[in-house]
C-alpha cells in the first residue's frame, strides 16, 4: 500500500479545514491532520491499513494523524462533510491532543444511534459556523472543534500514548512531528535547512532525504506550502500584497507570486481580483483530485441545513450543544 501524502490547506482558520464534497473514489492517502469523515448522503467503503468497513448516511469515521485510508463510493456516490484539524490545535492548553489515537475508526462500532445523531448535528453546526463567516465564526469553530474532540474521546475507544510508547510505536511519526512542529511555528521567519537539521539531530542531507521520503514532497516545497497557505488566508483582507508576503515568510513578493502561480495558475493580485469567482462550483471537479466534487460555501450551507432539518427535531438538536 503506497499512500500519497496530502497537504491540507488551512485557508480560512489556522488548524481547521472543512469541506462538503461528493466523493466517488479516493485512493490511499494520508496527512498530518486528524480527519472526521461524516456522511450526510449515500455510503462509502473505507479501507485502512488494518481493516475495511462501510460508512453510511448518519454515521462518521475518525482517522488519526498520518493514518492512510481509502474511500471507495463508486457503487453509490457519497456526500461527506470532511472536518480536518491539525494535531497542534489547542496544543498550548491541551498538549496531549496530538498523542490521542482512536483505536477503531468506525463510530458505528462504539456509539449508539441516538448519540451518533447528536454528534452529527454538532458536526453540521460547526460546518455552518465555518461556512457562515460571521464576525465570531473563528471563535465558534474553535469552541465547536474542542467540543468535538471531547465527544470523540468520551464515546470512541481512544488511547493516549505516553512519550515512551509514542517514541517506540511510531518513531517515524515522532521524527516527522518534531520537524513539522519546528516548521509550523517558524515558517513566518527565515528558515535554513541546516538549523532544522540541528534541532532534530540529523545531518542536512539526511533530513532532506527523510522529508522527501516520508512526506512525498521536498523540504523547501513543504515550507513554501506553509507560507502559501498563510498568504491564502490573508489574500481577501485589505492589506498590501507586500505586507502579506512578508507576514507569510516569503523573502519578497516575487517568491509569493511564484507560489501562487504554481498553485493557482495566477499571481497573488490576479487571485485576489478573482477570489470570489474561484470557489469551486457544484459539478466541477476539484483540480487537485478528480475523484471528488467540492461544493461552494453557499451550496454547502443549504445542503447542511436541509440535512439538519431531516436529522432531528429542535429538542434533539439542543442535546447536542
C-alpha atoms as a PDB file:
ATOM      1  CA  UNK A   1       0.000   0.000   0.000  1.00  0.00           C
ATOM      2  CA  UNK A   2       1.573   3.275  -1.162  1.00  0.00           C
ATOM      3  CA  UNK A   3      -0.274   6.213   0.346  1.00  0.00           C
ATOM      4  CA  UNK A   4       0.039   9.648  -1.223  1.00  0.00           C
ATOM      5  CA  UNK A   5       0.866  12.393   1.274  1.00  0.00           C
ATOM      6  CA  UNK A   6      -1.705  15.170   1.196  1.00  0.00           C
ATOM      7  CA  UNK A   7      -1.045  18.699   2.419  1.00  0.00           C
ATOM      8  CA  UNK A   8      -4.204  20.239   3.927  1.00  0.00           C
ATOM      9  CA  UNK A   9      -4.742  23.908   3.115  1.00  0.00           C
ATOM     10  CA  UNK A  10      -5.949  25.903   6.121  1.00  0.00           C
ATOM     11  CA  UNK A  11      -7.288  28.739   4.001  1.00  0.00           C
ATOM     12  CA  UNK A  12      -9.826  30.164   6.486  1.00  0.00           C
ATOM     13  CA  UNK A  13      -8.738  29.272  10.028  1.00  0.00           C
ATOM     14  CA  UNK A  14      -5.382  28.083  11.267  1.00  0.00           C
ATOM     15  CA  UNK A  15      -5.558  24.361  12.159  1.00  0.00           C
ATOM     16  CA  UNK A  16      -9.181  23.828  10.906  1.00  0.00           C
ATOM     17  CA  UNK A  17     -10.406  22.947   7.413  1.00  0.00           C
ATOM     18  CA  UNK A  18     -13.938  21.831   6.455  1.00  0.00           C
ATOM     19  CA  UNK A  19     -15.337  20.814   3.075  1.00  0.00           C
ATOM     20  CA  UNK A  20     -18.568  19.300   1.795  1.00  0.00           C
ATOM     21  CA  UNK A  21     -17.987  17.025  -1.175  1.00  0.00           C
ATOM     22  CA  UNK A  22     -19.439  14.411  -3.472  1.00  0.00           C
ATOM     23  CA  UNK A  23     -16.837  11.659  -3.443  1.00  0.00           C
ATOM     24  CA  UNK A  24     -16.617   8.862  -5.947  1.00  0.00           C
ATOM     25  CA  UNK A  25     -13.197   7.435  -5.168  1.00  0.00           C
ATOM     26  CA  UNK A  26     -10.076   8.486  -3.322  1.00  0.00           C
ATOM     27  CA  UNK A  27      -7.105   6.164  -3.326  1.00  0.00           C
ATOM     28  CA  UNK A  28      -4.945   5.621  -0.248  1.00  0.00           C
ATOM     29  CA  UNK A  29      -3.771   8.949   1.124  1.00  0.00           C
ATOM     30  CA  UNK A  30      -2.544  10.299   4.427  1.00  0.00           C
ATOM     31  CA  UNK A  31      -1.956  13.672   6.010  1.00  0.00           C
ATOM     32  CA  UNK A  32      -0.569  15.069   9.207  1.00  0.00           C
ATOM     33  CA  UNK A  33      -4.073  16.069  10.257  1.00  0.00           C
ATOM     34  CA  UNK A  34      -6.864  14.264  12.073  1.00  0.00           C
ATOM     35  CA  UNK A  35      -9.981  13.782   9.977  1.00  0.00           C
ATOM     36  CA  UNK A  36     -13.668  13.304  10.774  1.00  0.00           C
ATOM     37  CA  UNK A  37     -15.483  11.895   7.726  1.00  0.00           C
ATOM     38  CA  UNK A  38     -19.225  12.456   8.300  1.00  0.00           C
ATOM     39  CA  UNK A  39     -21.666  11.033   5.736  1.00  0.00           C
ATOM     40  CA  UNK A  40     -24.858  13.001   5.055  1.00  0.00           C
ATOM     41  CA  UNK A  41     -25.857  11.102   1.930  1.00  0.00           C
ATOM     42  CA  UNK A  42     -25.055   7.756   0.303  1.00  0.00           C
ATOM     43  CA  UNK A  43     -22.439   5.360   1.630  1.00  0.00           C
ATOM     44  CA  UNK A  44     -18.763   4.573   1.198  1.00  0.00           C
ATOM     45  CA  UNK A  45     -16.416   1.670   1.719  1.00  0.00           C
ATOM     46  CA  UNK A  46     -13.460   2.673   3.874  1.00  0.00           C
ATOM     47  CA  UNK A  47     -10.148   0.839   3.894  1.00  0.00           C
ATOM     48  CA  UNK A  48      -7.304   1.469   6.334  1.00  0.00           C
ATOM     49  CA  UNK A  49      -4.082  -0.442   6.822  1.00  0.00           C
ATOM     50  CA  UNK A  50      -5.837  -2.726   9.358  1.00  0.00           C
ATOM     51  CA  UNK A  51      -9.479  -3.096   8.340  1.00  0.00           C
ATOM     52  CA  UNK A  52     -12.350  -2.424   5.949  1.00  0.00           C
ATOM     53  CA  UNK A  53     -15.839  -1.115   6.834  1.00  0.00           C
ATOM     54  CA  UNK A  54     -18.863   0.743   5.469  1.00  0.00           C
ATOM     55  CA  UNK A  55     -19.920   4.253   6.488  1.00  0.00           C
ATOM     56  CA  UNK A  56     -23.499   5.168   5.588  1.00  0.00           C
ATOM     57  CA  UNK A  57     -25.665   8.270   5.998  1.00  0.00           C
ATOM     58  CA  UNK A  58     -25.840   9.460   9.597  1.00  0.00           C
ATOM     59  CA  UNK A  59     -22.526   7.962  10.634  1.00  0.00           C
ATOM     60  CA  UNK A  60     -18.894   9.015  10.596  1.00  0.00           C
ATOM     61  CA  UNK A  61     -15.330   7.759  10.735  1.00  0.00           C
ATOM     62  CA  UNK A  62     -12.328   9.245  12.514  1.00  0.00           C
ATOM     63  CA  UNK A  63      -8.821   8.942  11.103  1.00  0.00           C
ATOM     64  CA  UNK A  64      -5.730   9.536  13.200  1.00  0.00           C
ATOM     65  CA  UNK A  65      -2.914  11.794  12.119  1.00  0.00           C
ATOM     66  CA  UNK A  66      -0.954  10.105   9.295  1.00  0.00           C
ATOM     67  CA  UNK A  67      -3.377   7.165   9.118  1.00  0.00           C
ATOM     68  CA  UNK A  68      -3.562   6.037   5.491  1.00  0.00           C
ATOM     69  CA  UNK A  69      -7.125   5.495   4.245  1.00  0.00           C
ATOM     70  CA  UNK A  70      -9.000   4.814   1.014  1.00  0.00           C
ATOM     71  CA  UNK A  71     -12.563   5.939   0.226  1.00  0.00           C
ATOM     72  CA  UNK A  72     -14.487   3.942  -2.361  1.00  0.00           C
ATOM     73  CA  UNK A  73     -18.002   5.122  -3.237  1.00  0.00           C
ATOM     74  CA  UNK A  74     -18.119   4.040  -6.862  1.00  0.00           C
ATOM     75  CA  UNK A  75     -21.227   1.918  -6.279  1.00  0.00           C
ATOM     76  CA  UNK A  76     -23.104   4.736  -4.550  1.00  0.00           C
ATOM     77  CA  UNK A  77     -21.515   8.230  -4.590  1.00  0.00           C
ATOM     78  CA  UNK A  78     -21.283   9.649  -1.084  1.00  0.00           C
ATOM     79  CA  UNK A  79     -21.907  13.198   0.145  1.00  0.00           C
ATOM     80  CA  UNK A  80     -19.483  13.756   3.005  1.00  0.00           C
ATOM     81  CA  UNK A  81     -18.756  16.554   5.426  1.00  0.00           C
ATOM     82  CA  UNK A  82     -14.994  16.369   5.990  1.00  0.00           C
ATOM     83  CA  UNK A  83     -13.502  18.051   9.056  1.00  0.00           C
ATOM     84  CA  UNK A  84      -9.698  18.107   9.130  1.00  0.00           C
ATOM     85  CA  UNK A  85      -7.717  19.589  12.001  1.00  0.00           C
ATOM     86  CA  UNK A  86      -4.092  19.826  12.958  1.00  0.00           C
ATOM     87  CA  UNK A  87      -2.580  17.799  15.842  1.00  0.00           C
ATOM     88  CA  UNK A  88      -1.367  21.181  17.101  1.00  0.00           C
ATOM     89  CA  UNK A  89      -4.850  22.581  17.616  1.00  0.00           C
ATOM     90  CA  UNK A  90      -5.056  23.910  21.203  1.00  0.00           C
ATOM     91  CA  UNK A  91      -1.626  22.458  21.988  1.00  0.00           C
ATOM     92  CA  UNK A  92      -0.861  25.319  24.383  1.00  0.00           C
ATOM     93  CA  UNK A  93      -3.841  24.278  26.508  1.00  0.00           C
ATOM     94  CA  UNK A  94      -4.013  20.533  25.936  1.00  0.00           C
ATOM     95  CA  UNK A  95      -0.639  19.222  24.735  1.00  0.00           C
ATOM     96  CA  UNK A  96      -1.839  15.578  24.937  1.00  0.00           C
ATOM     97  CA  UNK A  97      -4.166  16.064  21.945  1.00  0.00           C
ATOM     98  CA  UNK A  98      -1.510  15.204  19.380  1.00  0.00           C
ATOM     99  CA  UNK A  99      -0.896  11.876  21.149  1.00  0.00           C
ATOM    100  CA  UNK A 100      -4.561  10.854  21.031  1.00  0.00           C
ATOM    101  CA  UNK A 101      -5.116   7.686  18.986  1.00  0.00           C
ATOM    102  CA  UNK A 102      -8.598   6.442  18.051  1.00  0.00           C
ATOM    103  CA  UNK A 103      -8.334   2.642  18.092  1.00  0.00           C
ATOM    104  CA  UNK A 104     -11.402   1.999  15.917  1.00  0.00           C
ATOM    105  CA  UNK A 105     -12.126   4.473  13.121  1.00  0.00           C
ATOM    106  CA  UNK A 106     -15.772   3.394  12.659  1.00  0.00           C
ATOM    107  CA  UNK A 107     -18.049   5.335  15.020  1.00  0.00           C
ATOM    108  CA  UNK A 108     -20.898   2.857  14.438  1.00  0.00           C
ATOM    109  CA  UNK A 109     -18.953   0.174  16.316  1.00  0.00           C
ATOM    110  CA  UNK A 110     -18.859   2.114  19.576  1.00  0.00           C
ATOM    111  CA  UNK A 111     -21.519   4.844  19.583  1.00  0.00           C
ATOM    112  CA  UNK A 112     -25.270   4.257  19.887  1.00  0.00           C
ATOM    113  CA  UNK A 113     -27.516   5.631  17.152  1.00  0.00           C
ATOM    114  CA  UNK A 114     -29.044   8.475  19.208  1.00  0.00           C
ATOM    115  CA  UNK A 115     -25.642   9.685  20.341  1.00  0.00           C
ATOM    116  CA  UNK A 116     -24.355   9.496  16.769  1.00  0.00           C
ATOM    117  CA  UNK A 117     -27.237  11.728  15.696  1.00  0.00           C
ATOM    118  CA  UNK A 118     -26.307  14.279  18.343  1.00  0.00           C
ATOM    119  CA  UNK A 119     -22.663  14.236  17.293  1.00  0.00           C
ATOM    120  CA  UNK A 120     -23.634  14.506  13.614  1.00  0.00           C
ATOM    121  CA  UNK A 121     -25.770  17.527  14.487  1.00  0.00           C
ATOM    122  CA  UNK A 122     -22.812  19.077  16.273  1.00  0.00           C
ATOM    123  CA  UNK A 123     -20.544  18.486  13.259  1.00  0.00           C
ATOM    124  CA  UNK A 124     -23.133  20.100  10.991  1.00  0.00           C
ATOM    125  CA  UNK A 125     -23.456  23.163  13.222  1.00  0.00           C
ATOM    126  CA  UNK A 126     -19.686  23.506  13.284  1.00  0.00           C
ATOM    127  CA  UNK A 127     -19.652  23.442   9.476  1.00  0.00           C
ATOM    128  CA  UNK A 128     -22.381  26.098   9.318  1.00  0.00           C
ATOM    129  CA  UNK A 129     -20.282  28.345  11.570  1.00  0.00           C
ATOM    130  CA  UNK A 130     -17.249  27.698   9.346  1.00  0.00           C
ATOM    131  CA  UNK A 131     -19.098  28.450   6.109  1.00  0.00           C
ATOM    132  CA  UNK A 132     -21.122  31.306   7.645  1.00  0.00           C
ATOM    133  CA  UNK A 133     -18.090  33.515   8.266  1.00  0.00           C
ATOM    134  CA  UNK A 134     -19.800  35.985  10.627  1.00  0.00           C
ATOM    135  CA  UNK A 135     -17.606  38.175  12.843  1.00  0.00           C
ATOM    136  CA  UNK A 136     -17.336  35.466  15.517  1.00  0.00           C
ATOM    137  CA  UNK A 137     -17.031  32.435  13.264  1.00  0.00           C
ATOM    138  CA  UNK A 138     -13.405  31.718  14.232  1.00  0.00           C
ATOM    139  CA  UNK A 139     -14.237  31.608  17.943  1.00  0.00           C
ATOM    140  CA  UNK A 140     -17.310  29.472  17.287  1.00  0.00           C
ATOM    141  CA  UNK A 141     -15.298  26.978  15.236  1.00  0.00           C
ATOM    142  CA  UNK A 142     -12.601  26.759  17.910  1.00  0.00           C
ATOM    143  CA  UNK A 143     -15.293  26.083  20.530  1.00  0.00           C
ATOM    144  CA  UNK A 144     -17.019  23.557  18.256  1.00  0.00           C
ATOM    145  CA  UNK A 145     -13.834  21.646  17.476  1.00  0.00           C
ATOM    146  CA  UNK A 146     -12.784  21.477  21.126  1.00  0.00           C
ATOM    147  CA  UNK A 147     -16.222  20.030  21.929  1.00  0.00           C
ATOM    148  CA  UNK A 148     -15.984  17.556  19.039  1.00  0.00           C
ATOM    149  CA  UNK A 149     -12.622  16.319  20.332  1.00  0.00           C
ATOM    150  CA  UNK A 150     -14.173  15.772  23.774  1.00  0.00           C
ATOM    151  CA  UNK A 151     -17.088  13.840  22.239  1.00  0.00           C
ATOM    152  CA  UNK A 152     -14.699  11.620  20.290  1.00  0.00           C
ATOM    153  CA  UNK A 153     -12.540  10.974  23.358  1.00  0.00           C
ATOM    154  CA  UNK A 154     -15.584  10.203  25.523  1.00  0.00           C
ATOM    155  CA  UNK A 155     -17.513   7.971  23.132  1.00  0.00           C
ATOM    156  CA  UNK A 156     -14.917   6.235  20.954  1.00  0.00           C
ATOM    157  CA  UNK A 157     -12.160   3.846  22.071  1.00  0.00           C
ATOM    158  CA  UNK A 158      -9.101   6.068  22.418  1.00  0.00           C
ATOM    159  CA  UNK A 159      -5.689   5.820  23.941  1.00  0.00           C
ATOM    160  CA  UNK A 160      -3.160   8.467  24.791  1.00  0.00           C
ATOM    161  CA  UNK A 161       0.347   7.282  24.151  1.00  0.00           C
ATOM    162  CA  UNK A 162       2.855   8.264  26.801  1.00  0.00           C
ATOM    163  CA  UNK A 163       6.131   9.706  25.473  1.00  0.00           C
ATOM    164  CA  UNK A 164       7.925   6.346  25.648  1.00  0.00           C
ATOM    165  CA  UNK A 165       5.147   4.489  23.802  1.00  0.00           C
ATOM    166  CA  UNK A 166       4.872   7.310  21.330  1.00  0.00           C
ATOM    167  CA  UNK A 167       8.567   7.031  20.529  1.00  0.00           C
ATOM    168  CA  UNK A 168       8.727   3.237  20.342  1.00  0.00           C
ATOM    169  CA  UNK A 169       5.476   2.592  18.461  1.00  0.00           C
ATOM    170  CA  UNK A 170       5.546   5.415  15.955  1.00  0.00           C
ATOM    171  CA  UNK A 171       9.151   6.565  15.800  1.00  0.00           C
ATOM    172  CA  UNK A 172       8.765   7.744  12.237  1.00  0.00           C
ATOM    173  CA  UNK A 173       5.773   9.887  13.155  1.00  0.00           C
ATOM    174  CA  UNK A 174       7.697  11.210  16.141  1.00  0.00           C
ATOM    175  CA  UNK A 175      10.523  12.460  13.931  1.00  0.00           C
ATOM    176  CA  UNK A 176       8.069  13.936  11.449  1.00  0.00           C
ATOM    177  CA  UNK A 177       6.197  15.558  14.320  1.00  0.00           C
ATOM    178  CA  UNK A 178       9.346  17.337  15.500  1.00  0.00           C
ATOM    179  CA  UNK A 179      10.255  18.537  12.029  1.00  0.00           C
ATOM    180  CA  UNK A 180       6.753  19.782  11.223  1.00  0.00           C
ATOM    181  CA  UNK A 181       6.396  21.395  14.639  1.00  0.00           C
ATOM    182  CA  UNK A 182       9.588  23.338  14.028  1.00  0.00           C
ATOM    183  CA  UNK A 183       8.464  24.456  10.578  1.00  0.00           C
ATOM    184  CA  UNK A 184       4.872  25.242  11.501  1.00  0.00           C
ATOM    185  CA  UNK A 185       5.892  27.512  14.379  1.00  0.00           C
ATOM    186  CA  UNK A 186       8.668  29.349  12.499  1.00  0.00           C
ATOM    187  CA  UNK A 187       7.670  29.459   8.829  1.00  0.00           C
ATOM    188  CA  UNK A 188       6.897  33.194   9.030  1.00  0.00           C
ATOM    189  CA  UNK A 189      10.600  33.808   9.612  1.00  0.00           C
ATOM    190  CA  UNK A 190      13.698  32.844   7.576  1.00  0.00           C
ATOM    191  CA  UNK A 191      14.473  29.129   7.994  1.00  0.00           C
ATOM    192  CA  UNK A 192      17.556  27.260   6.830  1.00  0.00           C
ATOM    193  CA  UNK A 193      17.721  23.509   6.270  1.00  0.00           C
ATOM    194  CA  UNK A 194      20.827  23.377   8.494  1.00  0.00           C
ATOM    195  CA  UNK A 195      19.087  24.866  11.535  1.00  0.00           C
ATOM    196  CA  UNK A 196      16.145  22.466  11.277  1.00  0.00           C
ATOM    197  CA  UNK A 197      18.552  19.531  10.907  1.00  0.00           C
ATOM    198  CA  UNK A 198      20.406  20.618  14.029  1.00  0.00           C
ATOM    199  CA  UNK A 199      17.161  20.906  16.015  1.00  0.00           C
ATOM    200  CA  UNK A 200      16.265  17.250  15.281  1.00  0.00           C
ATOM    201  CA  UNK A 201      19.799  15.846  15.435  1.00  0.00           C
ATOM    202  CA  UNK A 202      20.051  14.965  11.751  1.00  0.00           C
ATOM    203  CA  UNK A 203      22.502  15.924   9.061  1.00  0.00           C
ATOM    204  CA  UNK A 204      21.089  18.343   6.454  1.00  0.00           C
ATOM    205  CA  UNK A 205      21.405  15.703   3.727  1.00  0.00           C
ATOM    206  CA  UNK A 206      19.590  13.051   5.765  1.00  0.00           C
ATOM    207  CA  UNK A 207      16.862  15.491   6.812  1.00  0.00           C
ATOM    208  CA  UNK A 208      16.236  16.424   3.193  1.00  0.00           C
ATOM    209  CA  UNK A 209      16.017  12.735   2.229  1.00  0.00           C
ATOM    210  CA  UNK A 210      13.814  11.898   5.247  1.00  0.00           C
ATOM    211  CA  UNK A 211      11.307  14.655   4.497  1.00  0.00           C
ATOM    212  CA  UNK A 212      11.022  13.747   0.815  1.00  0.00           C
ATOM    213  CA  UNK A 213      10.665  10.021   1.560  1.00  0.00           C
ATOM    214  CA  UNK A 214       8.039  10.399   4.313  1.00  0.00           C
ATOM    215  CA  UNK A 215       6.046  13.404   3.133  1.00  0.00           C
ATOM    216  CA  UNK A 216       6.324  12.841  -0.592  1.00  0.00           C
ATOM    217  CA  UNK A 217       7.427  16.463  -1.005  1.00  0.00           C
ATOM    218  CA  UNK A 218      10.779  18.217  -0.684  1.00  0.00           C
ATOM    219  CA  UNK A 219      11.782  20.266   2.361  1.00  0.00           C
ATOM    220  CA  UNK A 220      11.675  23.635   0.595  1.00  0.00           C
ATOM    221  CA  UNK A 221       8.435  22.766  -1.210  1.00  0.00           C
ATOM    222  CA  UNK A 222       6.755  21.905   2.101  1.00  0.00           C
ATOM    223  CA  UNK A 223       7.989  25.160   3.654  1.00  0.00           C
ATOM    224  CA  UNK A 224       6.694  27.099   0.652  1.00  0.00           C
ATOM    225  CA  UNK A 225       3.298  25.370   1.016  1.00  0.00           C
ATOM    226  CA  UNK A 226       3.052  26.537   4.650  1.00  0.00           C
ATOM    227  CA  UNK A 227       3.786  30.094   3.601  1.00  0.00           C
ATOM    228  CA  UNK A 228       1.374  29.874   0.687  1.00  0.00           C
ATOM    229  CA  UNK A 229      -1.428  28.607   2.982  1.00  0.00           C
ATOM    230  CA  UNK A 230      -0.831  31.576   5.287  1.00  0.00           C
ATOM    231  CA  UNK A 231      -0.938  34.012   2.374  1.00  0.00           C
ATOM    232  CA  UNK A 232      -4.106  32.353   1.076  1.00  0.00           C
ATOM    233  CA  UNK A 233      -5.839  33.000   4.407  1.00  0.00           C
ATOM    234  CA  UNK A 234      -4.876  36.678   4.202  1.00  0.00           C
ATOM    235  CA  UNK A 235      -5.422  37.354   0.488  1.00  0.00           C
ATOM    236  CA  UNK A 236      -9.009  38.620   0.789  1.00  0.00           C
ATOM    237  CA  UNK A 237      -8.129  41.113   3.527  1.00  0.00           C
ATOM    238  CA  UNK A 238      -7.481  44.783   2.865  1.00  0.00           C
ATOM    239  CA  UNK A 239      -3.693  44.534   3.174  1.00  0.00           C
ATOM    240  CA  UNK A 240      -0.912  45.385   0.702  1.00  0.00           C
ATOM    241  CA  UNK A 241       0.393  42.277  -1.033  1.00  0.00           C
ATOM    242  CA  UNK A 242       3.915  43.137   0.123  1.00  0.00           C
ATOM    243  CA  UNK A 243       2.751  43.003   3.746  1.00  0.00           C
ATOM    244  CA  UNK A 244       1.026  39.654   3.174  1.00  0.00           C
ATOM    245  CA  UNK A 245       4.189  38.320   1.545  1.00  0.00           C
ATOM    246  CA  UNK A 246       6.419  39.422   4.424  1.00  0.00           C
ATOM    247  CA  UNK A 247       3.948  38.245   7.064  1.00  0.00           C
ATOM    248  CA  UNK A 248       3.763  34.821   5.427  1.00  0.00           C
ATOM    249  CA  UNK A 249       7.522  34.307   5.487  1.00  0.00           C
ATOM    250  CA  UNK A 250       8.332  34.910   1.815  1.00  0.00           C
ATOM    251  CA  UNK A 251      11.580  36.804   1.238  1.00  0.00           C
ATOM    252  CA  UNK A 252       9.822  39.087  -1.246  1.00  0.00           C
ATOM    253  CA  UNK A 253       6.657  39.428  -3.325  1.00  0.00           C
ATOM    254  CA  UNK A 254       8.303  37.725  -6.315  1.00  0.00           C
ATOM    255  CA  UNK A 255       8.523  34.403  -4.440  1.00  0.00           C
ATOM    256  CA  UNK A 256       4.949  34.659  -3.185  1.00  0.00           C
ATOM    257  CA  UNK A 257       3.759  35.250  -6.748  1.00  0.00           C
ATOM    258  CA  UNK A 258       5.774  32.230  -7.870  1.00  0.00           C
ATOM    259  CA  UNK A 259       3.968  30.095  -5.269  1.00  0.00           C
ATOM    260  CA  UNK A 260       0.541  31.444  -6.286  1.00  0.00           C
ATOM    261  CA  UNK A 261       1.270  30.843  -9.962  1.00  0.00           C
ATOM    262  CA  UNK A 262       2.320  27.253  -9.267  1.00  0.00           C
ATOM    263  CA  UNK A 263      -0.728  26.502  -7.094  1.00  0.00           C
ATOM    264  CA  UNK A 264      -3.471  28.523  -8.800  1.00  0.00           C
ATOM    265  CA  UNK A 265      -2.149  29.450 -12.243  1.00  0.00           C
ATOM    266  CA  UNK A 266      -2.261  33.182 -11.470  1.00  0.00           C
ATOM    267  CA  UNK A 267      -0.375  35.797  -9.476  1.00  0.00           C
ATOM    268  CA  UNK A 268      -1.471  36.849  -5.997  1.00  0.00           C
ATOM    269  CA  UNK A 269      -3.007  40.058  -7.391  1.00  0.00           C
ATOM    270  CA  UNK A 270      -4.933  38.125 -10.036  1.00  0.00           C
ATOM    271  CA  UNK A 271      -6.108  35.586  -7.473  1.00  0.00           C
ATOM    272  CA  UNK A 272      -7.300  38.370  -5.149  1.00  0.00           C
ATOM    273  CA  UNK A 273      -9.192  40.013  -8.020  1.00  0.00           C
ATOM    274  CA  UNK A 274     -10.958  36.786  -8.933  1.00  0.00           C
ATOM    275  CA  UNK A 275     -11.204  35.406  -5.394  1.00  0.00           C
ATOM    276  CA  UNK A 276     -14.986  35.116  -5.247  1.00  0.00           C
ATOM    277  CA  UNK A 277     -15.161  33.503  -8.670  1.00  0.00           C
ATOM    278  CA  UNK A 278     -12.603  30.829  -7.769  1.00  0.00           C
ATOM    279  CA  UNK A 279     -14.779  28.912  -5.352  1.00  0.00           C
ATOM    280  CA  UNK A 280     -15.386  25.522  -6.920  1.00  0.00           C
ATOM    281  CA  UNK A 281     -18.964  25.177  -8.068  1.00  0.00           C
ATOM    282  CA  UNK A 282     -21.167  22.124  -7.956  1.00  0.00           C
ATOM    283  CA  UNK A 283     -20.447  19.892 -10.937  1.00  0.00           C
ATOM    284  CA  UNK A 284     -16.843  20.991 -11.400  1.00  0.00           C
ATOM    285  CA  UNK A 285     -14.070  18.620 -10.463  1.00  0.00           C
ATOM    286  CA  UNK A 286     -11.588  19.517  -7.761  1.00  0.00           C
ATOM    287  CA  UNK A 287      -8.467  20.353  -9.744  1.00  0.00           C
ATOM    288  CA  UNK A 288      -6.313  18.615  -7.145  1.00  0.00           C
ATOM    289  CA  UNK A 289      -8.391  15.431  -7.072  1.00  0.00           C
ATOM    290  CA  UNK A 290     -10.699  14.371  -9.924  1.00  0.00           C
ATOM    291  CA  UNK A 291     -12.304  11.735  -7.665  1.00  0.00           C
ATOM    292  CA  UNK A 292     -14.376  14.309  -5.817  1.00  0.00           C
ATOM    293  CA  UNK A 293     -16.550  17.361  -6.400  1.00  0.00           C
ATOM    294  CA  UNK A 294     -16.383  20.198  -3.872  1.00  0.00           C
ATOM    295  CA  UNK A 295     -19.461  22.283  -3.063  1.00  0.00           C
ATOM    296  CA  UNK A 296     -19.252  26.061  -2.776  1.00  0.00           C
ATOM    297  CA  UNK A 297     -19.800  27.593   0.663  1.00  0.00           C
ATOM    298  CA  UNK A 298     -23.320  28.788  -0.212  1.00  0.00           C
ATOM    299  CA  UNK A 299     -24.285  25.381  -1.582  1.00  0.00           C
ATOM    300  CA  UNK A 300     -22.753  23.692   1.465  1.00  0.00           C
ATOM    301  CA  UNK A 301     -24.834  25.790   3.862  1.00  0.00           C
ATOM    302  CA  UNK A 302     -28.049  24.956   2.023  1.00  0.00           C
ATOM    303  CA  UNK A 303     -27.346  21.217   1.897  1.00  0.00           C
ATOM    304  CA  UNK A 304     -26.259  21.041   5.544  1.00  0.00           C
ATOM    305  CA  UNK A 305     -29.291  22.999   6.774  1.00  0.00           C
ATOM    306  CA  UNK A 306     -31.621  20.693   4.855  1.00  0.00           C
ATOM    307  CA  UNK A 307     -29.885  17.645   6.303  1.00  0.00           C
ATOM    308  CA  UNK A 308     -30.147  19.034   9.837  1.00  0.00           C
ATOM    309  CA  UNK A 309     -33.892  19.591   9.416  1.00  0.00           C
ATOM    310  CA  UNK A 310     -34.307  15.955   8.439  1.00  0.00           C
ATOM    311  CA  UNK A 311     -31.900  14.645  11.059  1.00  0.00           C
ATOM    312  CA  UNK A 312     -33.701  15.604  14.208  1.00  0.00           C
ATOM    313  CA  UNK A 313     -36.191  17.978  15.780  1.00  0.00           C
ATOM    314  CA  UNK A 314     -35.293  21.067  17.807  1.00  0.00           C
ATOM    315  CA  UNK A 315     -35.338  19.219  21.139  1.00  0.00           C
ATOM    316  CA  UNK A 316     -32.782  16.676  19.935  1.00  0.00           C
ATOM    317  CA  UNK A 317     -30.625  19.397  18.459  1.00  0.00           C
ATOM    318  CA  UNK A 318     -30.487  21.103  21.844  1.00  0.00           C
ATOM    319  CA  UNK A 319     -28.996  17.957  23.371  1.00  0.00           C
ATOM    320  CA  UNK A 320     -26.022  18.156  21.051  1.00  0.00           C
ATOM    321  CA  UNK A 321     -24.980  21.627  22.201  1.00  0.00           C
END
